[in-house]
N, C-alpha and C. Protein backbone atom coordinates (compact mmCIF):
# COMPACT_ATOMS: atom_id res chain seq x y z
N UNK A 1 -17.46 71.14 -12.82
CA UNK A 1 -18.97 70.93 -12.96
C UNK A 1 -19.55 72.22 -13.59
N UNK A 2 -20.26 71.98 -14.78
CA UNK A 2 -20.93 73.05 -15.20
C UNK A 2 -22.16 73.55 -14.37
N UNK A 3 -22.33 74.70 -14.02
CA UNK A 3 -23.33 75.17 -13.21
C UNK A 3 -24.52 75.64 -14.00
N UNK A 4 -25.63 75.77 -13.30
CA UNK A 4 -26.87 76.19 -14.06
C UNK A 4 -28.06 75.24 -13.81
N UNK A 5 -29.24 75.79 -14.25
CA UNK A 5 -30.42 74.92 -14.09
C UNK A 5 -30.45 73.66 -14.79
N UNK A 6 -29.59 73.56 -15.88
CA UNK A 6 -29.43 72.25 -16.68
C UNK A 6 -28.59 71.25 -16.15
N UNK A 7 -28.02 71.41 -15.02
CA UNK A 7 -27.19 70.46 -14.36
C UNK A 7 -27.81 69.88 -13.09
N UNK A 8 -28.18 68.61 -13.16
CA UNK A 8 -28.95 68.03 -12.01
C UNK A 8 -28.13 67.97 -10.71
N UNK A 9 -26.81 67.64 -10.82
CA UNK A 9 -25.95 67.61 -9.73
C UNK A 9 -25.74 69.07 -9.04
N UNK A 10 -25.75 69.99 -9.90
CA UNK A 10 -25.59 71.40 -9.38
C UNK A 10 -26.95 71.79 -8.65
N UNK A 11 -28.18 71.33 -9.10
CA UNK A 11 -29.30 71.61 -8.46
C UNK A 11 -29.34 70.91 -7.13
N UNK A 12 -28.93 69.72 -6.99
CA UNK A 12 -28.93 69.09 -5.77
C UNK A 12 -28.00 69.81 -4.80
N UNK A 13 -26.88 70.20 -5.32
CA UNK A 13 -25.84 70.90 -4.30
C UNK A 13 -26.46 72.14 -3.92
N UNK A 14 -27.24 72.88 -4.69
CA UNK A 14 -27.75 74.18 -4.27
C UNK A 14 -28.65 73.91 -2.96
N UNK A 15 -29.53 72.86 -3.05
CA UNK A 15 -30.42 72.57 -1.93
C UNK A 15 -29.66 72.05 -0.58
N UNK A 16 -28.61 71.32 -0.88
CA UNK A 16 -27.79 70.73 0.19
C UNK A 16 -26.99 71.87 0.94
N UNK A 17 -26.51 72.82 0.14
CA UNK A 17 -25.65 73.94 0.67
C UNK A 17 -26.39 74.77 1.63
N UNK A 18 -27.73 74.71 1.59
CA UNK A 18 -28.47 75.57 2.59
C UNK A 18 -28.43 75.00 3.88
N UNK A 19 -28.17 73.73 4.00
CA UNK A 19 -28.48 73.05 5.30
C UNK A 19 -27.09 72.42 5.92
N UNK A 20 -26.07 72.48 5.11
CA UNK A 20 -24.76 71.93 5.55
C UNK A 20 -23.68 73.14 5.65
N UNK A 21 -23.23 73.24 6.83
CA UNK A 21 -22.45 74.47 7.27
C UNK A 21 -21.07 73.83 7.98
N UNK A 22 -20.28 74.82 8.04
CA UNK A 22 -19.03 74.66 8.81
C UNK A 22 -19.29 73.80 10.08
N UNK A 23 -18.51 72.77 10.33
CA UNK A 23 -18.62 71.93 11.54
C UNK A 23 -19.76 70.90 11.55
N UNK A 24 -20.38 70.85 10.36
CA UNK A 24 -21.67 70.03 10.34
C UNK A 24 -21.30 68.58 9.86
N UNK A 25 -22.22 67.76 9.77
CA UNK A 25 -22.01 66.23 9.55
C UNK A 25 -23.00 65.87 8.25
N UNK A 26 -22.31 65.21 7.30
CA UNK A 26 -23.18 64.80 6.12
C UNK A 26 -22.71 63.47 5.65
N UNK A 27 -23.53 62.90 4.65
CA UNK A 27 -23.19 61.61 4.16
C UNK A 27 -23.26 61.79 2.67
N UNK A 28 -22.25 61.08 1.89
CA UNK A 28 -22.28 60.85 0.52
C UNK A 28 -22.60 59.38 0.40
N UNK A 29 -23.76 58.90 0.07
CA UNK A 29 -24.20 57.55 0.01
C UNK A 29 -23.69 56.86 -1.16
N UNK A 30 -23.21 57.57 -2.07
CA UNK A 30 -22.49 56.93 -3.40
C UNK A 30 -21.36 57.79 -3.78
N UNK A 31 -20.24 57.44 -3.25
CA UNK A 31 -19.08 58.31 -3.50
C UNK A 31 -18.61 58.40 -4.92
N UNK A 32 -18.69 57.36 -5.68
CA UNK A 32 -18.30 57.38 -7.07
C UNK A 32 -16.95 57.97 -7.42
N UNK A 33 -16.94 58.98 -8.08
CA UNK A 33 -15.58 59.66 -8.42
C UNK A 33 -15.24 60.71 -7.33
N UNK A 34 -16.03 60.90 -6.31
CA UNK A 34 -15.63 61.84 -5.37
C UNK A 34 -16.08 63.17 -5.44
N UNK A 35 -16.87 63.63 -6.44
CA UNK A 35 -17.05 64.99 -6.51
C UNK A 35 -18.13 65.52 -5.39
N UNK A 36 -19.07 64.59 -5.08
CA UNK A 36 -20.10 65.03 -3.98
C UNK A 36 -19.37 65.09 -2.73
N UNK A 37 -18.51 64.12 -2.49
CA UNK A 37 -17.73 63.91 -1.16
C UNK A 37 -16.98 65.26 -1.05
N UNK A 38 -16.24 65.70 -2.18
CA UNK A 38 -15.40 67.01 -2.02
C UNK A 38 -16.28 68.05 -1.76
N UNK A 39 -17.54 68.18 -2.48
CA UNK A 39 -18.31 69.27 -2.27
C UNK A 39 -18.76 69.33 -0.70
N UNK A 40 -19.20 68.28 -0.24
CA UNK A 40 -19.61 68.12 1.23
C UNK A 40 -18.48 68.60 2.18
N UNK A 41 -17.31 67.99 1.86
CA UNK A 41 -16.19 68.25 2.73
C UNK A 41 -15.84 69.72 2.74
N UNK A 42 -15.96 70.40 1.67
CA UNK A 42 -15.66 71.91 1.58
C UNK A 42 -16.72 72.69 2.48
N UNK A 43 -17.81 72.13 2.46
CA UNK A 43 -18.97 72.86 3.29
C UNK A 43 -18.70 72.72 4.61
N UNK A 44 -18.40 71.56 5.14
CA UNK A 44 -18.25 71.39 6.67
C UNK A 44 -16.88 71.88 7.19
N UNK A 45 -15.92 71.97 6.23
CA UNK A 45 -14.46 72.32 6.49
C UNK A 45 -13.87 71.41 7.52
N UNK A 46 -12.78 71.58 8.06
CA UNK A 46 -12.01 70.68 8.93
C UNK A 46 -12.71 70.33 10.20
N UNK A 47 -13.51 71.17 10.59
CA UNK A 47 -14.30 71.03 11.86
C UNK A 47 -15.42 69.96 11.76
N UNK A 48 -15.83 69.51 10.57
CA UNK A 48 -16.99 68.85 10.34
C UNK A 48 -16.55 67.31 10.07
N UNK A 49 -17.54 66.55 9.76
CA UNK A 49 -17.37 65.10 9.35
C UNK A 49 -18.41 64.68 8.25
N UNK A 50 -17.78 64.07 7.27
CA UNK A 50 -18.33 63.53 6.18
C UNK A 50 -18.04 61.90 6.09
N UNK A 51 -19.15 61.31 5.74
CA UNK A 51 -19.14 59.81 5.65
C UNK A 51 -19.43 59.54 4.19
N UNK A 52 -18.56 58.83 3.47
CA UNK A 52 -18.76 58.51 2.06
C UNK A 52 -18.67 57.03 1.91
N UNK A 53 -19.75 56.50 1.23
CA UNK A 53 -19.89 54.98 0.97
C UNK A 53 -19.80 54.59 -0.44
N UNK A 54 -19.10 53.59 -0.69
CA UNK A 54 -19.21 52.96 -2.06
C UNK A 54 -18.68 51.38 -1.87
N UNK A 55 -19.33 50.60 -2.72
CA UNK A 55 -18.95 49.15 -2.61
C UNK A 55 -17.78 48.96 -3.50
N UNK A 56 -17.30 49.90 -4.33
CA UNK A 56 -16.26 49.68 -5.17
C UNK A 56 -14.91 50.33 -4.55
N UNK A 57 -13.93 49.54 -4.28
CA UNK A 57 -12.72 50.14 -3.72
C UNK A 57 -12.04 51.07 -4.71
N UNK A 58 -12.28 50.86 -6.00
CA UNK A 58 -11.73 51.74 -7.00
C UNK A 58 -12.30 53.15 -6.86
N UNK A 59 -13.55 53.13 -6.56
CA UNK A 59 -14.30 54.57 -6.40
C UNK A 59 -13.66 55.27 -5.13
N UNK A 60 -13.42 54.55 -4.08
CA UNK A 60 -13.00 55.10 -2.87
C UNK A 60 -11.49 55.61 -2.93
N UNK A 61 -10.64 54.85 -3.87
CA UNK A 61 -9.41 55.24 -4.05
C UNK A 61 -9.49 56.63 -5.00
N UNK A 62 -10.38 56.71 -5.80
CA UNK A 62 -10.48 58.00 -6.66
C UNK A 62 -10.90 59.06 -5.78
N UNK A 63 -11.76 58.73 -4.95
CA UNK A 63 -12.23 59.79 -3.98
C UNK A 63 -11.17 60.26 -3.01
N UNK A 64 -10.47 59.43 -2.39
CA UNK A 64 -9.37 59.79 -1.56
C UNK A 64 -8.28 60.60 -2.31
N UNK A 65 -7.99 60.30 -3.60
CA UNK A 65 -6.94 61.03 -4.39
C UNK A 65 -7.50 62.44 -4.62
N UNK A 66 -8.82 62.60 -4.88
CA UNK A 66 -9.48 63.88 -5.03
C UNK A 66 -9.44 64.78 -3.85
N UNK A 67 -9.63 64.13 -2.79
CA UNK A 67 -9.83 64.86 -1.44
C UNK A 67 -8.42 65.37 -1.04
N UNK A 68 -7.40 64.58 -1.24
CA UNK A 68 -6.03 64.98 -0.86
C UNK A 68 -5.57 65.92 -1.88
N UNK A 69 -5.90 65.99 -3.02
CA UNK A 69 -5.51 66.90 -4.00
C UNK A 69 -5.93 68.27 -3.52
N UNK A 70 -7.22 68.37 -2.94
CA UNK A 70 -7.67 69.67 -2.47
C UNK A 70 -7.58 69.89 -1.00
N UNK A 71 -6.84 69.02 -0.28
CA UNK A 71 -6.61 69.33 1.04
C UNK A 71 -7.85 69.13 1.99
N UNK A 72 -8.80 68.22 1.48
CA UNK A 72 -9.97 67.91 2.20
C UNK A 72 -10.31 66.63 2.73
N UNK A 73 -9.06 65.87 2.98
CA UNK A 73 -9.36 64.42 3.32
C UNK A 73 -9.54 64.23 4.85
N UNK A 74 -8.92 65.26 5.57
CA UNK A 74 -8.99 65.04 7.10
C UNK A 74 -10.38 64.90 7.56
N UNK A 75 -11.29 65.54 7.03
CA UNK A 75 -12.77 65.49 7.53
C UNK A 75 -13.65 64.41 7.05
N UNK A 76 -12.98 63.51 6.15
CA UNK A 76 -13.82 62.44 5.44
C UNK A 76 -13.40 61.03 6.00
N UNK A 77 -14.48 60.25 6.26
CA UNK A 77 -14.39 58.77 6.49
C UNK A 77 -14.86 58.06 5.37
N UNK A 78 -13.93 57.27 4.66
CA UNK A 78 -14.47 56.43 3.44
C UNK A 78 -14.83 55.20 4.03
N UNK A 79 -15.92 54.52 3.48
CA UNK A 79 -16.48 53.36 4.05
C UNK A 79 -16.84 52.45 2.82
N UNK A 80 -16.04 51.35 2.70
CA UNK A 80 -16.22 50.40 1.70
C UNK A 80 -17.29 49.38 1.97
N UNK A 81 -18.49 49.94 1.77
CA UNK A 81 -19.66 49.21 2.10
C UNK A 81 -20.83 49.70 1.34
N UNK A 82 -22.02 49.01 1.26
CA UNK A 82 -23.12 49.42 0.61
C UNK A 82 -23.84 50.45 1.37
N UNK A 83 -24.53 51.42 0.78
CA UNK A 83 -25.17 52.54 1.49
C UNK A 83 -26.30 52.16 2.29
N UNK A 84 -26.82 50.89 2.08
CA UNK A 84 -27.90 50.34 2.92
C UNK A 84 -27.43 50.11 4.41
N UNK A 85 -26.19 50.10 4.58
CA UNK A 85 -25.44 49.87 5.89
C UNK A 85 -25.31 51.18 6.66
N UNK A 86 -25.66 52.26 6.11
CA UNK A 86 -25.29 53.54 6.81
C UNK A 86 -25.71 53.74 8.22
N UNK A 87 -27.05 53.35 8.53
CA UNK A 87 -27.58 53.56 9.76
C UNK A 87 -26.76 52.74 10.96
N UNK A 88 -26.26 51.64 10.41
CA UNK A 88 -25.48 50.81 11.50
C UNK A 88 -23.96 51.26 11.62
N UNK A 89 -23.70 52.16 10.81
CA UNK A 89 -22.17 52.64 10.86
C UNK A 89 -22.11 54.13 11.14
N UNK A 90 -23.23 54.90 11.41
CA UNK A 90 -23.19 56.25 11.68
C UNK A 90 -24.08 56.48 12.87
N UNK A 91 -23.49 57.19 13.94
CA UNK A 91 -24.24 57.44 15.11
C UNK A 91 -24.61 59.00 15.10
N UNK A 92 -25.69 59.31 15.62
CA UNK A 92 -26.14 60.63 15.73
C UNK A 92 -26.79 61.18 14.51
N UNK A 93 -27.32 62.32 14.46
CA UNK A 93 -27.91 62.97 13.46
C UNK A 93 -27.09 63.53 12.47
N UNK A 94 -27.48 63.72 11.12
CA UNK A 94 -26.72 64.32 10.09
C UNK A 94 -27.48 65.46 9.43
N UNK A 95 -26.83 66.42 8.86
CA UNK A 95 -27.43 67.54 8.21
C UNK A 95 -28.03 67.15 6.86
N UNK A 96 -27.31 66.19 6.17
CA UNK A 96 -27.80 65.99 4.70
C UNK A 96 -27.23 64.62 4.27
N UNK A 97 -27.91 64.07 3.34
CA UNK A 97 -27.32 62.81 2.70
C UNK A 97 -27.64 63.17 1.20
N UNK A 98 -26.51 62.80 0.29
CA UNK A 98 -26.78 62.89 -1.02
C UNK A 98 -26.41 61.60 -1.75
N UNK A 99 -27.37 61.27 -2.82
CA UNK A 99 -27.24 60.15 -3.57
C UNK A 99 -27.20 60.43 -5.12
N UNK A 100 -26.35 59.66 -5.74
CA UNK A 100 -26.46 59.63 -7.24
C UNK A 100 -26.66 58.20 -7.48
N UNK A 101 -27.87 57.98 -8.02
CA UNK A 101 -28.31 56.59 -8.29
C UNK A 101 -28.01 56.21 -9.81
N UNK A 102 -27.39 55.09 -10.01
CA UNK A 102 -26.96 54.61 -11.29
C UNK A 102 -25.65 53.92 -11.32
N UNK A 103 -24.76 54.20 -12.20
CA UNK A 103 -23.51 53.57 -12.07
C UNK A 103 -22.28 54.47 -11.99
N UNK A 104 -21.13 54.06 -11.64
CA UNK A 104 -19.94 54.94 -11.59
C UNK A 104 -19.48 55.29 -12.99
N UNK A 105 -19.49 56.66 -13.18
CA UNK A 105 -19.03 57.26 -14.51
C UNK A 105 -17.59 56.68 -14.58
N UNK A 106 -17.35 56.12 -15.85
CA UNK A 106 -15.97 55.60 -16.12
C UNK A 106 -15.65 54.24 -15.49
N UNK A 107 -16.66 53.70 -14.78
CA UNK A 107 -16.35 52.46 -14.08
C UNK A 107 -17.21 51.29 -14.85
N UNK A 108 -17.38 50.20 -14.23
CA UNK A 108 -18.05 49.11 -14.67
C UNK A 108 -19.55 49.34 -14.67
N UNK A 109 -20.22 49.43 -15.82
CA UNK A 109 -21.61 49.72 -15.96
C UNK A 109 -22.53 48.59 -15.58
N UNK A 110 -21.93 47.46 -15.27
CA UNK A 110 -22.84 46.34 -14.76
C UNK A 110 -23.03 46.56 -13.30
N UNK A 111 -22.17 47.30 -12.65
CA UNK A 111 -22.43 47.54 -11.23
C UNK A 111 -23.17 48.77 -11.00
N UNK A 112 -24.40 48.68 -10.74
CA UNK A 112 -25.33 49.70 -10.67
C UNK A 112 -26.07 49.73 -9.29
N UNK A 113 -26.56 50.80 -8.77
CA UNK A 113 -27.35 50.83 -7.50
C UNK A 113 -28.70 50.08 -7.85
N UNK A 114 -29.31 49.48 -6.86
CA UNK A 114 -30.48 48.62 -7.05
C UNK A 114 -31.71 49.08 -6.30
N UNK A 115 -32.89 48.91 -6.82
CA UNK A 115 -34.06 49.42 -6.15
C UNK A 115 -34.19 49.07 -4.67
N UNK A 116 -33.92 47.77 -4.41
CA UNK A 116 -34.23 47.34 -2.97
C UNK A 116 -33.27 48.02 -1.96
N UNK A 117 -31.93 47.99 -2.22
CA UNK A 117 -31.03 48.58 -1.45
C UNK A 117 -31.05 50.04 -1.37
N UNK A 118 -31.37 50.59 -2.54
CA UNK A 118 -31.62 52.12 -2.47
C UNK A 118 -32.63 52.56 -1.62
N UNK A 119 -33.86 51.92 -1.60
CA UNK A 119 -34.86 52.24 -0.67
C UNK A 119 -34.60 52.00 0.73
N UNK A 120 -34.01 50.92 1.00
CA UNK A 120 -33.45 50.76 2.44
C UNK A 120 -32.51 51.82 2.86
N UNK A 121 -31.63 52.21 2.01
CA UNK A 121 -30.71 53.20 2.37
C UNK A 121 -31.41 54.55 2.46
N UNK A 122 -32.40 54.88 1.63
CA UNK A 122 -33.19 56.14 1.70
C UNK A 122 -33.93 56.13 3.03
N UNK A 123 -34.55 55.04 3.48
CA UNK A 123 -35.11 54.98 4.81
C UNK A 123 -34.23 55.30 5.97
N UNK A 124 -32.99 54.80 5.83
CA UNK A 124 -32.00 55.03 6.80
C UNK A 124 -31.54 56.49 6.82
N UNK A 125 -31.49 57.06 5.57
CA UNK A 125 -30.97 58.48 5.57
C UNK A 125 -31.96 59.34 6.12
N UNK A 126 -33.39 59.09 5.86
CA UNK A 126 -34.32 59.96 6.48
C UNK A 126 -34.44 59.88 8.08
N UNK A 127 -34.15 58.75 8.39
CA UNK A 127 -34.08 58.54 10.10
C UNK A 127 -33.01 59.30 10.51
N UNK A 128 -31.92 59.21 9.79
CA UNK A 128 -30.56 59.86 10.53
C UNK A 128 -30.76 61.40 10.35
N UNK A 129 -31.60 61.93 9.52
CA UNK A 129 -31.63 63.52 9.41
C UNK A 129 -32.06 64.19 10.60
N UNK A 130 -31.40 65.29 10.81
CA UNK A 130 -31.85 66.24 11.92
C UNK A 130 -33.10 66.98 11.38
N UNK A 131 -33.86 67.54 12.31
CA UNK A 131 -35.03 68.42 11.75
C UNK A 131 -34.37 69.59 10.91
N UNK A 132 -34.94 69.79 9.79
CA UNK A 132 -34.43 70.73 8.78
C UNK A 132 -33.48 70.25 7.90
N UNK A 133 -33.03 68.95 8.17
CA UNK A 133 -31.96 68.37 7.22
C UNK A 133 -32.64 67.93 5.99
N UNK A 134 -31.81 67.66 4.88
CA UNK A 134 -32.28 67.17 3.70
C UNK A 134 -31.56 66.03 3.10
N UNK A 135 -32.38 65.30 2.28
CA UNK A 135 -31.66 64.20 1.35
C UNK A 135 -31.96 64.76 0.08
N UNK A 136 -30.86 64.58 -0.77
CA UNK A 136 -30.93 64.98 -2.19
C UNK A 136 -30.61 63.73 -3.02
N UNK A 137 -31.33 63.41 -3.96
CA UNK A 137 -31.23 62.31 -4.94
C UNK A 137 -31.09 62.70 -6.27
N UNK A 138 -29.98 62.38 -6.96
CA UNK A 138 -29.86 62.58 -8.44
C UNK A 138 -30.04 61.16 -9.00
N UNK A 139 -31.07 60.98 -9.81
CA UNK A 139 -31.39 59.68 -10.30
C UNK A 139 -31.33 59.54 -11.81
N UNK A 140 -30.49 58.68 -12.22
CA UNK A 140 -30.19 58.44 -13.73
C UNK A 140 -30.94 57.12 -14.05
N UNK A 141 -31.66 57.23 -15.25
CA UNK A 141 -32.57 56.13 -15.68
C UNK A 141 -32.23 55.57 -16.93
N UNK A 142 -31.11 56.03 -17.58
CA UNK A 142 -30.65 55.62 -18.98
C UNK A 142 -29.94 54.28 -18.98
N UNK A 143 -30.02 53.51 -17.96
CA UNK A 143 -29.33 52.18 -17.96
C UNK A 143 -30.42 51.17 -17.61
N UNK A 144 -30.15 49.84 -17.84
CA UNK A 144 -31.09 48.78 -17.53
C UNK A 144 -31.41 48.70 -15.97
N UNK A 145 -32.75 48.91 -15.67
CA UNK A 145 -32.99 48.92 -14.25
C UNK A 145 -33.13 50.35 -13.69
N UNK A 146 -32.79 51.26 -14.39
CA UNK A 146 -32.72 52.69 -13.88
C UNK A 146 -34.24 53.12 -13.62
N UNK A 147 -35.00 52.81 -14.60
CA UNK A 147 -36.50 53.31 -14.39
C UNK A 147 -37.12 52.50 -13.16
N UNK A 148 -36.87 51.22 -13.05
CA UNK A 148 -37.42 50.52 -11.94
C UNK A 148 -36.96 51.11 -10.58
N UNK A 149 -35.66 51.50 -10.62
CA UNK A 149 -35.23 52.04 -9.29
C UNK A 149 -35.74 53.41 -8.99
N UNK A 150 -36.02 54.26 -10.11
CA UNK A 150 -36.64 55.55 -9.86
C UNK A 150 -38.07 55.39 -9.36
N UNK A 151 -38.83 54.31 -9.96
CA UNK A 151 -40.13 54.10 -9.56
C UNK A 151 -40.27 53.59 -8.03
N UNK A 152 -39.38 52.69 -7.75
CA UNK A 152 -39.25 52.18 -6.24
C UNK A 152 -38.94 53.46 -5.33
N UNK A 153 -38.11 54.34 -5.70
CA UNK A 153 -37.75 55.41 -4.77
C UNK A 153 -39.01 56.34 -4.79
N UNK A 154 -39.66 56.62 -5.88
CA UNK A 154 -40.76 57.62 -5.74
C UNK A 154 -41.89 56.88 -5.01
N UNK A 155 -42.02 55.63 -5.18
CA UNK A 155 -43.22 55.01 -4.35
C UNK A 155 -42.96 55.15 -2.80
N UNK A 156 -41.77 54.91 -2.49
CA UNK A 156 -41.57 55.14 -1.03
C UNK A 156 -41.76 56.61 -0.49
N UNK A 157 -41.19 57.60 -1.39
CA UNK A 157 -41.40 58.91 -1.04
C UNK A 157 -42.69 59.44 -0.99
N UNK A 158 -43.63 58.84 -2.03
CA UNK A 158 -44.96 59.27 -1.92
C UNK A 158 -45.62 58.92 -0.61
N UNK A 159 -45.10 57.96 0.06
CA UNK A 159 -45.77 57.51 1.34
C UNK A 159 -45.35 58.32 2.51
N UNK A 160 -44.39 59.30 2.43
CA UNK A 160 -43.92 60.01 3.55
C UNK A 160 -45.01 60.95 4.13
N UNK A 161 -45.20 61.07 5.31
CA UNK A 161 -46.18 61.93 5.93
C UNK A 161 -45.85 63.39 5.57
N UNK A 162 -46.79 64.02 5.00
CA UNK A 162 -46.60 65.41 4.58
C UNK A 162 -46.56 66.35 5.76
N UNK A 163 -46.93 66.00 6.91
CA UNK A 163 -46.84 66.83 8.07
C UNK A 163 -45.47 66.85 8.53
N UNK A 164 -44.66 65.93 8.18
CA UNK A 164 -43.12 65.74 8.63
C UNK A 164 -42.17 65.94 7.58
N UNK A 165 -42.52 65.86 6.42
CA UNK A 165 -41.70 65.95 5.27
C UNK A 165 -42.09 66.82 4.08
N UNK A 166 -41.20 67.68 3.64
CA UNK A 166 -41.33 68.37 2.47
C UNK A 166 -40.52 67.81 1.21
N UNK A 167 -41.21 67.57 0.19
CA UNK A 167 -40.55 66.85 -0.95
C UNK A 167 -40.77 67.63 -2.20
N UNK A 168 -39.70 67.69 -3.00
CA UNK A 168 -39.88 68.29 -4.31
C UNK A 168 -39.15 67.41 -5.42
N UNK A 169 -39.68 67.42 -6.60
CA UNK A 169 -39.08 66.67 -7.69
C UNK A 169 -38.79 67.64 -8.84
N UNK A 170 -37.62 67.60 -9.43
CA UNK A 170 -37.24 68.48 -10.54
C UNK A 170 -36.85 67.60 -11.69
N UNK A 171 -37.54 67.72 -12.85
CA UNK A 171 -37.30 67.30 -14.12
C UNK A 171 -36.86 68.26 -15.05
N UNK A 172 -35.74 68.11 -15.79
CA UNK A 172 -35.28 69.06 -16.70
C UNK A 172 -35.99 68.74 -18.00
N UNK A 173 -36.97 69.57 -18.37
CA UNK A 173 -37.93 69.22 -19.44
C UNK A 173 -37.47 69.33 -20.85
N UNK A 174 -36.54 70.14 -21.13
CA UNK A 174 -36.16 70.23 -22.54
C UNK A 174 -34.78 69.49 -22.73
N UNK A 175 -34.72 68.25 -22.21
CA UNK A 175 -33.60 67.36 -22.36
C UNK A 175 -34.06 66.02 -22.80
N UNK A 176 -33.22 65.10 -23.08
CA UNK A 176 -33.49 63.92 -23.53
C UNK A 176 -34.39 63.09 -22.44
N UNK A 177 -35.16 62.00 -22.95
CA UNK A 177 -36.10 61.28 -22.16
C UNK A 177 -35.53 60.78 -20.79
N UNK A 178 -34.24 60.37 -20.89
CA UNK A 178 -33.57 59.78 -19.74
C UNK A 178 -32.57 60.71 -19.02
N UNK A 179 -32.97 61.94 -19.18
CA UNK A 179 -32.07 62.96 -18.49
C UNK A 179 -32.19 62.78 -16.85
N UNK A 180 -31.17 62.85 -16.15
CA UNK A 180 -31.29 62.83 -14.71
C UNK A 180 -32.38 63.58 -14.20
N UNK A 181 -33.03 63.20 -12.89
CA UNK A 181 -34.03 63.91 -12.27
C UNK A 181 -33.38 64.09 -10.83
N UNK A 182 -34.05 65.20 -10.12
CA UNK A 182 -33.55 65.43 -8.81
C UNK A 182 -34.74 65.42 -7.77
N UNK A 183 -34.64 64.70 -6.73
CA UNK A 183 -35.70 64.72 -5.66
C UNK A 183 -34.97 65.26 -4.36
N UNK A 184 -35.59 66.21 -3.73
CA UNK A 184 -35.08 66.58 -2.45
C UNK A 184 -36.15 66.43 -1.29
N UNK A 185 -35.84 65.67 -0.25
CA UNK A 185 -36.65 65.40 0.88
C UNK A 185 -36.05 66.20 2.06
N UNK A 186 -37.00 67.12 2.71
CA UNK A 186 -36.60 67.85 3.76
C UNK A 186 -37.32 67.24 5.10
N UNK A 187 -36.62 67.05 6.20
CA UNK A 187 -37.37 66.69 7.30
C UNK A 187 -37.77 67.82 8.06
N UNK A 188 -39.24 68.09 8.00
CA UNK A 188 -39.74 69.29 8.69
C UNK A 188 -40.39 69.16 9.97
N UNK A 189 -41.54 68.51 10.06
CA UNK A 189 -42.16 68.39 11.39
C UNK A 189 -42.34 69.61 12.18
N UNK A 190 -41.68 69.61 13.39
CA UNK A 190 -41.75 70.70 14.32
C UNK A 190 -41.22 72.06 13.64
N UNK A 191 -40.20 71.83 12.71
CA UNK A 191 -39.66 72.93 12.05
C UNK A 191 -40.70 73.85 11.44
N UNK A 192 -41.55 73.30 10.90
CA UNK A 192 -42.71 73.98 10.14
C UNK A 192 -43.49 74.93 11.16
N UNK A 193 -43.62 74.41 12.39
CA UNK A 193 -44.30 75.12 13.44
C UNK A 193 -43.52 76.36 13.84
N UNK A 194 -42.30 76.19 13.99
CA UNK A 194 -41.44 77.35 14.53
C UNK A 194 -41.22 78.40 13.37
N UNK A 195 -41.19 77.95 12.04
CA UNK A 195 -41.21 78.87 10.89
C UNK A 195 -42.45 79.58 10.88
N UNK A 196 -43.56 79.00 11.12
CA UNK A 196 -44.83 79.68 11.10
C UNK A 196 -45.00 80.68 12.21
N UNK A 197 -44.43 80.39 13.32
CA UNK A 197 -44.43 81.30 14.50
C UNK A 197 -43.61 82.58 14.18
N UNK A 198 -42.40 82.18 13.57
CA UNK A 198 -41.47 83.29 13.27
C UNK A 198 -42.07 84.29 12.24
N UNK A 199 -42.89 83.73 11.18
CA UNK A 199 -43.50 84.49 10.17
C UNK A 199 -44.78 85.18 10.60
N UNK A 200 -45.52 84.73 11.62
CA UNK A 200 -46.59 85.38 12.27
C UNK A 200 -46.57 85.54 13.67
N UNK A 201 -45.69 86.55 14.13
CA UNK A 201 -45.50 86.81 15.60
C UNK A 201 -46.81 87.35 16.22
């Protein structure tokens, strides 16, 4: 993966790497070709746990092959299910959840994430987050339905209580109209109070 501010996935990884550490727990809501799953698996190492979701068995096979190639399969549970099911399949809090919304690169472009299930999944992801945990969304809009999915996700996020969540959106301005965008949601709440106390003893 090319790194730098022009790469939306790299930007998402930067924010996630600050909150996912060795022995942690995280979720790849859209396993795809496995790159995000591998990234998370390397962060938590063998002591941690990663849950990776995808409705396409082809995607999970590719993900498993990638993980095995890099010796990172032990800490990953692959789940052949839609990401909207994550809350019923994961117990306890997680450090981070990462989404790539769109279609599987190199796969069937008629199989795309949908606004309704993506919002349900995002709601679940936020509930699963520990304090200080983050959700990262890389949203692609260059396919039919992509703009509608972006709008649905943004509408939900706009409604989050600002006292309990910090949210940023990153658009790469000197790119094509449909360049992917990044949204980061951080569960704050009491964390903000402790941070303020540390900064103002």
